[in-house]
Amino acid sequence: MGSSRSNGELRELVHKTRPDKRVAFRFGKKVERDALAALGEVVRADDESAELRVPAAKVSQVVAQAIASMAVEDLTVTDPPLEEVMADVFA
């Protein structure tokens, strides 16, 4: 009953508070951290995967650049974690 409206309001809060996306990559070979940092803010990185914080408006550009220049095997685009959004709201 009210959950549909609540989910919409929550999504709107997320987008207003944190207008960025998380792009998680899995690579076929090691990618240097400097190459990742050129695409967005590195949240996490190891030899086989990385997660970047990217402005929502630049997600397509970042994904295209990564695919063209890195051994991307898989990728996922998500909203920032809810706990980060809530921390920003109450900060």
Protein backbone atom coordinates (compact mmCIF):
# COMPACT_ATOMS: atom_id res chain seq x y z
CA MET A 1 0.00 0.00 0.00
CA GLY A 2 2.41 2.78 1.02
CA SER A 3 5.61 0.90 0.16
CA SER A 4 5.57 1.93 -3.51
CA ARG A 5 5.40 5.58 -2.54
CA SER A 6 8.03 5.08 0.17
CA ASN A 7 10.41 3.39 -2.30
CA GLY A 8 9.98 6.30 -4.74
CA GLU A 9 10.64 8.84 -1.99
CA LEU A 10 13.70 6.90 -0.84
CA ARG A 11 15.08 6.76 -4.41
CA GLU A 12 14.53 10.52 -4.75
CA LEU A 13 16.33 11.14 -1.46
CA VAL A 14 19.27 9.00 -2.64
CA HIS A 15 19.54 10.90 -5.94
CA LYS A 16 19.28 14.33 -4.28
CA THR A 17 21.74 13.50 -1.50
CA ARG A 18 24.29 11.51 -3.51
CA PRO A 19 23.96 12.20 -7.25
CA ASP A 20 26.66 9.66 -8.02
CA LYS A 21 26.71 6.01 -8.99
CA ARG A 22 28.94 3.12 -8.06
CA VAL A 23 30.51 1.25 -10.96
CA ALA A 24 32.00 -2.11 -10.03
CA PHE A 25 34.34 -3.77 -12.52
CA ARG A 26 35.86 -7.25 -12.78
CA PHE A 27 38.97 -7.38 -14.95
CA GLY A 28 40.72 -10.11 -16.93
CA LYS A 29 44.13 -8.71 -15.97
CA LYS A 30 45.56 -6.26 -13.45
CA VAL A 31 44.63 -2.60 -13.93
CA GLU A 32 46.80 0.11 -12.40
CA ARG A 33 45.18 2.29 -9.76
CA ASP A 34 46.23 5.45 -11.66
CA ALA A 35 44.24 4.29 -14.70
CA LEU A 36 41.20 3.74 -12.47
CA ALA A 37 41.60 7.11 -10.75
CA ALA A 38 41.48 8.78 -14.18
CA LEU A 39 37.92 7.43 -14.54
CA GLY A 40 36.48 8.28 -11.11
CA GLU A 41 37.04 8.17 -7.38
CA VAL A 42 38.43 4.75 -6.44
CA VAL A 43 36.37 3.32 -3.58
CA ARG A 44 38.03 -0.11 -3.64
CA ALA A 45 40.55 -1.82 -5.89
CA ASP A 46 42.57 -5.02 -6.03
CA ASP A 47 44.26 -6.99 -8.80
CA GLU A 48 41.03 -8.35 -10.31
CA SER A 49 38.30 -5.85 -9.45
CA ALA A 50 37.54 -2.25 -8.58
CA GLU A 51 34.68 -0.03 -7.53
CA LEU A 52 34.51 3.62 -8.57
CA ARG A 53 32.34 6.52 -7.47
CA VAL A 54 31.25 8.35 -10.62
CA PRO A 55 28.90 11.32 -11.19
CA ALA A 56 25.63 9.89 -12.56
CA ALA A 57 25.87 12.06 -15.68
CA LYS A 58 29.26 10.52 -16.58
CA VAL A 59 28.50 6.81 -16.07
CA SER A 60 28.11 6.05 -19.79
CA GLN A 61 31.35 7.86 -20.63
CA VAL A 62 33.29 6.09 -17.86
CA VAL A 63 31.96 2.66 -18.82
CA ALA A 64 32.82 3.26 -22.50
CA GLN A 65 36.36 4.42 -21.61
CA ALA A 66 36.93 1.44 -19.34
CA ILE A 67 35.72 -1.06 -21.93
CA ALA A 68 37.89 0.54 -24.62
CA SER A 69 41.08 0.66 -22.55
CA MET A 70 40.90 -2.11 -19.94
CA ALA A 71 40.26 -5.86 -19.89
CA VAL A 72 36.72 -5.51 -18.49
CA GLU A 73 35.06 -8.91 -18.03
CA ASP A 74 32.01 -7.71 -16.09
CA LEU A 75 30.56 -4.51 -14.66
CA THR A 76 27.68 -3.41 -12.46
CA VAL A 77 26.23 0.08 -11.95
CA THR A 78 24.39 0.76 -8.67
CA ASP A 79 23.29 3.60 -6.44
CA PRO A 80 25.56 4.43 -3.51
CA PRO A 81 25.01 2.29 -0.41
CA LEU A 82 22.04 3.46 1.66
CA GLU A 83 24.16 3.75 4.82
CA GLU A 84 26.36 6.36 3.08
CA VAL A 85 23.30 8.32 1.96
CA MET A 86 21.85 8.29 5.46
CA ALA A 87 25.18 9.36 6.95
CA ASP A 88 25.19 12.35 4.58
CA VAL A 89 21.57 13.21 5.44
CA PHE A 90 22.26 13.23 9.17
CA ALA A 91 25.73 14.82 8.97
